[in-house]
Amino acid sequence: MIFSLFNKKPKQPSLELKVDIHSHLIPAIDDGSRSMAESLKLLRGMEQLGYEKVITTPHIMADTYINTPKIIKDGLDLLKIEAKKENINIEIECGAEYYLDDGFSDILRKGDLLTIGDKYILFETSYYARPIHLKDMIFEMLSLGYTPIMAHPERYRYIKEKKEYFKFKELGVMFQVNINSFAGQYGKDAKVKANFLNKNGCIDFLGSDIHNYKQVEKLELVMKSNVYKSIFKNNNIKNNDF
C-alpha cells in the first residue's frame, strides 16, 4: 500500500503528470467516495503519488445522479475545508462528468455547466449502446464554443472498429483515457483499446477515475510500468495545462 495513516512514505515521482482531471472525490453525491473520511484518504493517496492538483468530476445523470453545480460546489467547499484541516497540500477544483442523456441538451443550452478549465466538457455515454444523437450532441458542444472530452473511450463496447476512434478525433473530440485501463482494471477489451490509443498517439488526457482506495493503489503500479512511460513518448498529454 502506498499510504498508511501512521507511517507516511516519501512522495513517489509521478513522471510528468501533476494534474488529474477525472475523479469522484466529493463524498456521498455519486458512486465515488462514500464519506468525508474516505475522501481525505483518497486525497492523501493522490498526493503521495505526486499529484499537485485534482479536478474532481462528479457524475451528472438525469435519472441517477441529479447533481447540480450548486450541489457539487457546496460539496467541494466542505472537502477543501476538511483537507486544509488535515494539512493535505493538494489543490482541489471541480468539474463534472456529464452523461449524454436527454437532460444534457437542456443543461448545455442553459449554459449551467461545470467545465474543466474555461471550455472543456468531460462527457460519457452508455458503455454498451451508442447514443442515437451522439454526433449531434458533439456538434452542439462545439458550436457553443466548448471542447468535448470523451471520458474513458477505451471502455465503450459499442466501438467495435478501432478506426472509429479516428472519426471521433476528426470531429474535434479529445480523449481522456483511464490510467488503470492499462492494468486491466476494466477488462481485456478496454486494455487492448487503451494500448491502441496509446500507440497511435490518440490520448489527450489521462484520468485516475478514482472511486475507491484500491484504485489508488493500482495507479501506483501502473505509474512504475514501462507502458506508463510510453504514454508520454507517444502522446501529447495536456493535463498539466490546467
C-alpha atoms as a PDB file:
ATOM      1  CA  MET A   1       0.000   0.000   0.000  1.00  0.00           C
ATOM      2  CA  ILE A   2       1.237   3.485  -0.794  1.00  0.00           C
ATOM      3  CA  PHE A   3      -0.235   5.178   2.263  1.00  0.00           C
ATOM      4  CA  SER A   4      -0.616   4.472   5.928  1.00  0.00           C
ATOM      5  CA  LEU A   5      -2.451   6.743   8.332  1.00  0.00           C
ATOM      6  CA  PHE A   6       0.503   6.453  10.688  1.00  0.00           C
ATOM      7  CA  ASN A   7       3.592   5.876   8.527  1.00  0.00           C
ATOM      8  CA  LYS A   8       3.943   8.124   5.518  1.00  0.00           C
ATOM      9  CA  LYS A   9       6.482   7.214   2.882  1.00  0.00           C
ATOM     10  CA  PRO A  10       8.385   9.844   0.904  1.00  0.00           C
ATOM     11  CA  LYS A  11       6.497  11.108  -2.131  1.00  0.00           C
ATOM     12  CA  GLN A  12       6.784   8.913  -5.188  1.00  0.00           C
ATOM     13  CA  PRO A  13       7.529  10.614  -8.507  1.00  0.00           C
ATOM     14  CA  SER A  14       4.648  10.559 -10.980  1.00  0.00           C
ATOM     15  CA  LEU A  15       6.754  11.311 -14.050  1.00  0.00           C
ATOM     16  CA  GLU A  16       5.231  14.261 -15.910  1.00  0.00           C
ATOM     17  CA  LEU A  17       1.699  14.073 -14.527  1.00  0.00           C
ATOM     18  CA  LYS A  18       0.821  16.622 -11.836  1.00  0.00           C
ATOM     19  CA  VAL A  19      -2.884  17.268 -12.506  1.00  0.00           C
ATOM     20  CA  ASP A  20      -5.751  14.774 -12.520  1.00  0.00           C
ATOM     21  CA  ILE A  21      -8.904  15.740 -14.430  1.00  0.00           C
ATOM     22  CA  HIS A  22     -11.252  12.851 -13.627  1.00  0.00           C
ATOM     23  CA  SER A  23     -12.175  11.550 -10.184  1.00  0.00           C
ATOM     24  CA  HIS A  24     -15.074  11.107  -7.783  1.00  0.00           C
ATOM     25  CA  LEU A  25     -13.838  12.574  -4.523  1.00  0.00           C
ATOM     26  CA  ILE A  26     -16.737  14.655  -3.172  1.00  0.00           C
ATOM     27  CA  PRO A  27     -18.410  12.427  -0.586  1.00  0.00           C
ATOM     28  CA  ALA A  28     -21.857  10.891  -0.951  1.00  0.00           C
ATOM     29  CA  ILE A  29     -23.074  12.559  -4.154  1.00  0.00           C
ATOM     30  CA  ASP A  30     -22.399   9.783  -6.686  1.00  0.00           C
ATOM     31  CA  ASP A  31     -20.827   6.315  -6.820  1.00  0.00           C
ATOM     32  CA  GLY A  32     -17.440   7.552  -5.646  1.00  0.00           C
ATOM     33  CA  SER A  33     -16.335   8.392  -2.119  1.00  0.00           C
ATOM     34  CA  ARG A  34     -18.946   7.461   0.484  1.00  0.00           C
ATOM     35  CA  SER A  35     -17.741   9.670   3.326  1.00  0.00           C
ATOM     36  CA  MET A  36     -15.515  12.626   4.155  1.00  0.00           C
ATOM     37  CA  ALA A  37     -13.020  10.283   5.829  1.00  0.00           C
ATOM     38  CA  GLU A  38     -12.777   8.228   2.637  1.00  0.00           C
ATOM     39  CA  SER A  39     -12.372  11.388   0.534  1.00  0.00           C
ATOM     40  CA  LEU A  40      -9.482  12.565   2.699  1.00  0.00           C
ATOM     41  CA  LYS A  41      -7.807   9.169   2.446  1.00  0.00           C
ATOM     42  CA  LEU A  42      -8.128   9.283  -1.341  1.00  0.00           C
ATOM     43  CA  LEU A  43      -6.666  12.786  -1.453  1.00  0.00           C
ATOM     44  CA  ARG A  44      -3.724  11.702   0.702  1.00  0.00           C
ATOM     45  CA  GLY A  45      -3.119   8.814  -1.656  1.00  0.00           C
ATOM     46  CA  MET A  46      -3.194  11.086  -4.695  1.00  0.00           C
ATOM     47  CA  GLU A  47      -0.798  13.495  -3.021  1.00  0.00           C
ATOM     48  CA  GLN A  48       1.504  10.590  -2.184  1.00  0.00           C
ATOM     49  CA  LEU A  49       1.601   9.692  -5.877  1.00  0.00           C
ATOM     50  CA  GLY A  50       2.854  13.165  -6.729  1.00  0.00           C
ATOM     51  CA  TYR A  51      -0.338  14.873  -7.823  1.00  0.00           C
ATOM     52  CA  GLU A  52      -0.387  18.576  -7.032  1.00  0.00           C
ATOM     53  CA  LYS A  53      -3.934  19.264  -8.219  1.00  0.00           C
ATOM     54  CA  VAL A  54      -7.129  17.298  -8.753  1.00  0.00           C
ATOM     55  CA  ILE A  55     -10.158  18.428 -10.729  1.00  0.00           C
ATOM     56  CA  THR A  56     -12.821  16.145  -9.337  1.00  0.00           C
ATOM     57  CA  THR A  57     -15.745  15.348 -11.627  1.00  0.00           C
ATOM     58  CA  PRO A  58     -18.959  14.010 -10.046  1.00  0.00           C
ATOM     59  CA  HIS A  59     -21.453  12.260 -12.278  1.00  0.00           C
ATOM     60  CA  ILE A  60     -24.416  14.198 -13.595  1.00  0.00           C
ATOM     61  CA  MET A  61     -27.118  11.812 -14.854  1.00  0.00           C
ATOM     62  CA  ALA A  62     -30.780  12.752 -15.241  1.00  0.00           C
ATOM     63  CA  ASP A  63     -32.156   9.528 -13.761  1.00  0.00           C
ATOM     64  CA  THR A  64     -29.419   8.525 -11.314  1.00  0.00           C
ATOM     65  CA  TYR A  65     -27.196  11.324 -10.023  1.00  0.00           C
ATOM     66  CA  ILE A  66     -29.220  14.520 -10.182  1.00  0.00           C
ATOM     67  CA  ASN A  67     -26.328  16.775  -9.274  1.00  0.00           C
ATOM     68  CA  THR A  68     -26.249  20.498  -9.972  1.00  0.00           C
ATOM     69  CA  PRO A  69     -23.360  22.971  -9.989  1.00  0.00           C
ATOM     70  CA  LYS A  70     -24.530  24.200  -6.570  1.00  0.00           C
ATOM     71  CA  ILE A  71     -24.581  20.720  -5.033  1.00  0.00           C
ATOM     72  CA  ILE A  72     -21.132  19.986  -6.411  1.00  0.00           C
ATOM     73  CA  LYS A  73     -19.610  23.330  -5.422  1.00  0.00           C
ATOM     74  CA  ASP A  74     -21.047  23.103  -1.908  1.00  0.00           C
ATOM     75  CA  GLY A  75     -19.557  19.624  -1.570  1.00  0.00           C
ATOM     76  CA  LEU A  76     -16.229  20.880  -2.898  1.00  0.00           C
ATOM     77  CA  ASP A  77     -16.146  23.723  -0.368  1.00  0.00           C
ATOM     78  CA  LEU A  78     -16.620  21.289   2.512  1.00  0.00           C
ATOM     79  CA  LEU A  79     -13.965  18.958   1.144  1.00  0.00           C
ATOM     80  CA  LYS A  80     -11.459  21.800   0.820  1.00  0.00           C
ATOM     81  CA  ILE A  81     -12.113  22.912   4.399  1.00  0.00           C
ATOM     82  CA  GLU A  82     -11.546  19.413   5.759  1.00  0.00           C
ATOM     83  CA  ALA A  83      -8.472  18.835   3.575  1.00  0.00           C
ATOM     84  CA  LYS A  84      -6.932  22.052   4.895  1.00  0.00           C
ATOM     85  CA  LYS A  85      -7.582  20.944   8.491  1.00  0.00           C
ATOM     86  CA  GLU A  86      -5.727  17.701   7.732  1.00  0.00           C
ATOM     87  CA  ASN A  87      -2.781  19.544   6.138  1.00  0.00           C
ATOM     88  CA  ILE A  88      -3.363  17.911   2.757  1.00  0.00           C
ATOM     89  CA  ASN A  89      -1.453  20.129   0.369  1.00  0.00           C
ATOM     90  CA  ILE A  90      -3.179  19.362  -2.900  1.00  0.00           C
ATOM     91  CA  GLU A  91      -5.215  21.867  -4.893  1.00  0.00           C
ATOM     92  CA  ILE A  92      -8.819  20.780  -5.409  1.00  0.00           C
ATOM     93  CA  GLU A  93     -11.178  22.061  -8.086  1.00  0.00           C
ATOM     94  CA  CYS A  94     -14.341  20.651  -9.604  1.00  0.00           C
ATOM     95  CA  GLY A  95     -15.829  19.946 -12.980  1.00  0.00           C
ATOM     96  CA  ALA A  96     -18.395  17.272 -13.782  1.00  0.00           C
ATOM     97  CA  GLU A  97     -18.745  14.105 -15.811  1.00  0.00           C
ATOM     98  CA  TYR A  98     -21.829  14.579 -17.961  1.00  0.00           C
ATOM     99  CA  TYR A  99     -23.804  11.589 -19.166  1.00  0.00           C
ATOM    100  CA  LEU A 100     -25.192  12.206 -22.636  1.00  0.00           C
ATOM    101  CA  ASP A 101     -28.845  11.629 -21.827  1.00  0.00           C
ATOM    102  CA  ASP A 102     -31.995  13.616 -22.538  1.00  0.00           C
ATOM    103  CA  GLY A 103     -31.202  16.087 -19.801  1.00  0.00           C
ATOM    104  CA  PHE A 104     -27.771  17.008 -21.129  1.00  0.00           C
ATOM    105  CA  SER A 105     -29.017  19.087 -24.059  1.00  0.00           C
ATOM    106  CA  ASP A 106     -31.135  21.192 -21.701  1.00  0.00           C
ATOM    107  CA  ILE A 107     -28.146  21.776 -19.421  1.00  0.00           C
ATOM    108  CA  LEU A 108     -25.982  22.656 -22.403  1.00  0.00           C
ATOM    109  CA  ARG A 109     -28.437  25.185 -23.830  1.00  0.00           C
ATOM    110  CA  LYS A 110     -28.884  26.839 -20.441  1.00  0.00           C
ATOM    111  CA  GLY A 111     -25.103  27.089 -20.072  1.00  0.00           C
ATOM    112  CA  ASP A 112     -25.339  25.878 -16.478  1.00  0.00           C
ATOM    113  CA  LEU A 113     -22.203  23.778 -16.817  1.00  0.00           C
ATOM    114  CA  LEU A 114     -19.167  22.846 -14.797  1.00  0.00           C
ATOM    115  CA  THR A 115     -16.322  22.790 -17.268  1.00  0.00           C
ATOM    116  CA  ILE A 116     -12.718  21.761 -16.895  1.00  0.00           C
ATOM    117  CA  GLY A 117     -10.829  24.960 -17.418  1.00  0.00           C
ATOM    118  CA  ASP A 118     -12.855  27.515 -19.356  1.00  0.00           C
ATOM    119  CA  LYS A 119     -14.188  25.388 -22.195  1.00  0.00           C
ATOM    120  CA  TYR A 120     -13.685  21.636 -21.787  1.00  0.00           C
ATOM    121  CA  ILE A 121     -16.687  19.380 -21.147  1.00  0.00           C
ATOM    122  CA  LEU A 122     -15.999  15.883 -19.849  1.00  0.00           C
ATOM    123  CA  PHE A 123     -18.712  13.538 -21.090  1.00  0.00           C
ATOM    124  CA  GLU A 124     -19.529   9.856 -21.029  1.00  0.00           C
ATOM    125  CA  THR A 125     -22.110   7.605 -22.643  1.00  0.00           C
ATOM    126  CA  SER A 126     -23.595   4.175 -22.114  1.00  0.00           C
ATOM    127  CA  TYR A 127     -20.885   1.533 -22.275  1.00  0.00           C
ATOM    128  CA  TYR A 128     -22.941  -0.736 -24.479  1.00  0.00           C
ATOM    129  CA  ALA A 129     -25.356   1.328 -26.584  1.00  0.00           C
ATOM    130  CA  ARG A 130     -24.239   4.168 -28.832  1.00  0.00           C
ATOM    131  CA  PRO A 131     -26.430   7.231 -28.202  1.00  0.00           C
ATOM    132  CA  ILE A 132     -28.620   7.906 -31.214  1.00  0.00           C
ATOM    133  CA  HIS A 133     -27.803  11.608 -31.169  1.00  0.00           C
ATOM    134  CA  LEU A 134     -24.135  11.287 -30.193  1.00  0.00           C
ATOM    135  CA  LYS A 135     -22.791  13.217 -33.177  1.00  0.00           C
ATOM    136  CA  ASP A 136     -25.478  15.873 -32.837  1.00  0.00           C
ATOM    137  CA  MET A 137     -24.560  16.462 -29.205  1.00  0.00           C
ATOM    138  CA  ILE A 138     -20.864  16.647 -30.078  1.00  0.00           C
ATOM    139  CA  PHE A 139     -21.615  19.231 -32.766  1.00  0.00           C
ATOM    140  CA  GLU A 140     -23.782  21.157 -30.328  1.00  0.00           C
ATOM    141  CA  MET A 141     -20.954  21.358 -27.799  1.00  0.00           C
ATOM    142  CA  LEU A 142     -18.537  22.506 -30.474  1.00  0.00           C
ATOM    143  CA  SER A 143     -20.950  25.065 -31.919  1.00  0.00           C
ATOM    144  CA  LEU A 144     -21.319  26.662 -28.486  1.00  0.00           C
ATOM    145  CA  GLY A 145     -17.566  27.057 -28.176  1.00  0.00           C
ATOM    146  CA  TYR A 146     -16.867  24.084 -25.912  1.00  0.00           C
ATOM    147  CA  THR A 147     -14.307  21.348 -26.469  1.00  0.00           C
ATOM    148  CA  PRO A 148     -15.722  17.867 -25.767  1.00  0.00           C
ATOM    149  CA  ILE A 149     -13.542  15.385 -23.899  1.00  0.00           C
ATOM    150  CA  MET A 150     -14.732  11.793 -24.111  1.00  0.00           C
ATOM    151  CA  ALA A 151     -14.135  10.109 -20.764  1.00  0.00           C
ATOM    152  CA  HIS A 152     -12.517   6.656 -20.969  1.00  0.00           C
ATOM    153  CA  PRO A 153     -13.151   5.984 -24.691  1.00  0.00           C
ATOM    154  CA  GLU A 154     -11.453   2.615 -24.272  1.00  0.00           C
ATOM    155  CA  ARG A 155     -14.375   1.348 -22.180  1.00  0.00           C
ATOM    156  CA  TYR A 156     -17.169   1.709 -24.759  1.00  0.00           C
ATOM    157  CA  ARG A 157     -18.103  -1.723 -26.076  1.00  0.00           C
ATOM    158  CA  TYR A 158     -20.128  -0.257 -28.936  1.00  0.00           C
ATOM    159  CA  ILE A 159     -16.891   0.928 -30.532  1.00  0.00           C
ATOM    160  CA  LYS A 160     -16.141  -2.253 -32.459  1.00  0.00           C
ATOM    161  CA  GLU A 161     -13.767  -0.996 -35.139  1.00  0.00           C
ATOM    162  CA  LYS A 162     -10.730   0.875 -33.852  1.00  0.00           C
ATOM    163  CA  LYS A 163     -10.848   3.202 -36.871  1.00  0.00           C
ATOM    164  CA  GLU A 164     -13.958   4.722 -35.255  1.00  0.00           C
ATOM    165  CA  TYR A 165     -11.652   6.473 -32.811  1.00  0.00           C
ATOM    166  CA  PHE A 166     -10.091   8.427 -35.657  1.00  0.00           C
ATOM    167  CA  LYS A 167     -13.548   9.563 -36.758  1.00  0.00           C
ATOM    168  CA  PHE A 168     -14.221  10.993 -33.304  1.00  0.00           C
ATOM    169  CA  LYS A 169     -10.893  12.804 -33.415  1.00  0.00           C
ATOM    170  CA  GLU A 170     -11.777  14.259 -36.816  1.00  0.00           C
ATOM    171  CA  LEU A 171     -14.996  15.622 -35.312  1.00  0.00           C
ATOM    172  CA  GLY A 172     -12.965  17.517 -32.711  1.00  0.00           C
ATOM    173  CA  VAL A 173     -13.367  15.182 -29.741  1.00  0.00           C
ATOM    174  CA  MET A 174     -10.473  14.844 -27.302  1.00  0.00           C
ATOM    175  CA  PHE A 175      -9.811  11.598 -25.424  1.00  0.00           C
ATOM    176  CA  GLN A 176      -9.228  11.043 -21.710  1.00  0.00           C
ATOM    177  CA  VAL A 177      -8.009   7.503 -21.060  1.00  0.00           C
ATOM    178  CA  ASN A 178      -8.126   5.939 -17.591  1.00  0.00           C
ATOM    179  CA  ILE A 179      -4.653   5.091 -16.315  1.00  0.00           C
ATOM    180  CA  ASN A 180      -5.819   1.864 -14.707  1.00  0.00           C
ATOM    181  CA  SER A 181      -7.142   0.592 -18.032  1.00  0.00           C
ATOM    182  CA  PHE A 182      -3.522  -0.289 -18.785  1.00  0.00           C
ATOM    183  CA  ALA A 183      -3.576  -2.635 -15.784  1.00  0.00           C
ATOM    184  CA  GLY A 184      -6.722  -4.408 -16.979  1.00  0.00           C
ATOM    185  CA  GLN A 185      -8.978  -2.950 -14.296  1.00  0.00           C
ATOM    186  CA  TYR A 186     -11.890  -2.659 -16.728  1.00  0.00           C
ATOM    187  CA  GLY A 187     -11.291  -5.888 -18.611  1.00  0.00           C
ATOM    188  CA  LYS A 188      -9.301  -7.145 -21.569  1.00  0.00           C
ATOM    189  CA  ASP A 189     -11.219  -5.194 -24.208  1.00  0.00           C
ATOM    190  CA  ALA A 190     -10.580  -1.853 -22.501  1.00  0.00           C
ATOM    191  CA  LYS A 191      -6.902  -2.710 -22.038  1.00  0.00           C
ATOM    192  CA  VAL A 192      -6.478  -3.591 -25.712  1.00  0.00           C
ATOM    193  CA  LYS A 193      -8.193  -0.372 -26.786  1.00  0.00           C
ATOM    194  CA  ALA A 194      -6.154   1.732 -24.354  1.00  0.00           C
ATOM    195  CA  ASN A 195      -2.948   0.300 -25.789  1.00  0.00           C
ATOM    196  CA  PHE A 196      -4.201   1.009 -29.315  1.00  0.00           C
ATOM    197  CA  LEU A 197      -4.944   4.636 -28.449  1.00  0.00           C
ATOM    198  CA  ASN A 198      -1.532   4.955 -26.821  1.00  0.00           C
ATOM    199  CA  LYS A 199       0.409   3.523 -29.749  1.00  0.00           C
ATOM    200  CA  ASN A 200      -1.482   5.719 -32.206  1.00  0.00           C
ATOM    201  CA  GLY A 201      -0.937   8.944 -30.266  1.00  0.00           C
ATOM    202  CA  CYS A 202      -4.654   9.498 -29.643  1.00  0.00           C
ATOM    203  CA  ILE A 203      -4.571  10.228 -25.915  1.00  0.00           C
ATOM    204  CA  ASP A 204      -5.001  13.875 -24.900  1.00  0.00           C
ATOM    205  CA  PHE A 205      -5.583  13.455 -21.171  1.00  0.00           C
ATOM    206  CA  LEU A 206      -5.063  10.803 -18.527  1.00  0.00           C
ATOM    207  CA  GLY A 207      -7.526  10.280 -15.703  1.00  0.00           C
ATOM    208  CA  SER A 208      -7.436   8.394 -12.438  1.00  0.00           C
ATOM    209  CA  ASP A 209     -11.252   7.980 -12.393  1.00  0.00           C
ATOM    210  CA  ILE A 210     -10.802   7.301  -8.691  1.00  0.00           C
ATOM    211  CA  HIS A 211     -13.838   5.950  -6.845  1.00  0.00           C
ATOM    212  CA  ASN A 212     -12.117   3.990  -4.042  1.00  0.00           C
ATOM    213  CA  TYR A 213      -8.728   3.398  -2.472  1.00  0.00           C
ATOM    214  CA  LYS A 214      -7.949   0.133  -4.281  1.00  0.00           C
ATOM    215  CA  GLN A 215      -7.829   2.160  -7.490  1.00  0.00           C
ATOM    216  CA  VAL A 216      -5.255   4.495  -5.944  1.00  0.00           C
ATOM    217  CA  GLU A 217      -3.070   1.507  -5.110  1.00  0.00           C
ATOM    218  CA  LYS A 218      -3.341   0.222  -8.663  1.00  0.00           C
ATOM    219  CA  LEU A 219      -2.343   3.641 -10.008  1.00  0.00           C
ATOM    220  CA  GLU A 220       0.986   3.306  -8.262  1.00  0.00           C
ATOM    221  CA  LEU A 221       1.704   0.031 -10.054  1.00  0.00           C
ATOM    222  CA  VAL A 222       0.856   1.463 -13.478  1.00  0.00           C
ATOM    223  CA  MET A 223       2.957   4.571 -12.843  1.00  0.00           C
ATOM    224  CA  LYS A 224       6.011   2.363 -12.306  1.00  0.00           C
ATOM    225  CA  SER A 225       5.470   0.449 -15.546  1.00  0.00           C
ATOM    226  CA  ASN A 226       7.090   0.827 -18.953  1.00  0.00           C
ATOM    227  CA  VAL A 227       3.714   1.318 -20.613  1.00  0.00           C
ATOM    228  CA  TYR A 228       3.145   4.395 -18.472  1.00  0.00           C
ATOM    229  CA  LYS A 229       6.427   5.872 -19.668  1.00  0.00           C
ATOM    230  CA  SER A 230       5.460   5.115 -23.260  1.00  0.00           C
ATOM    231  CA  ILE A 231       2.255   7.164 -22.941  1.00  0.00           C
ATOM    232  CA  PHE A 232       4.291  10.353 -22.587  1.00  0.00           C
ATOM    233  CA  LYS A 233       6.522   9.403 -25.512  1.00  0.00           C
ATOM    234  CA  ASN A 234       3.643   8.603 -27.867  1.00  0.00           C
ATOM    235  CA  ASN A 235       1.123  11.293 -26.910  1.00  0.00           C
ATOM    236  CA  ASN A 236       0.891  14.978 -26.084  1.00  0.00           C
ATOM    237  CA  ILE A 237      -0.633  14.737 -22.611  1.00  0.00           C
ATOM    238  CA  LYS A 238      -2.249  18.029 -21.664  1.00  0.00           C
ATOM    239  CA  ASN A 239      -3.252  17.512 -18.004  1.00  0.00           C
ATOM    240  CA  ASN A 240      -0.671  19.947 -16.709  1.00  0.00           C
ATOM    241  CA  ASP A 241      -2.192  22.764 -18.786  1.00  0.00           C
ATOM    242  CA  PHE A 242      -4.858  23.179 -16.072  1.00  0.00           C
END
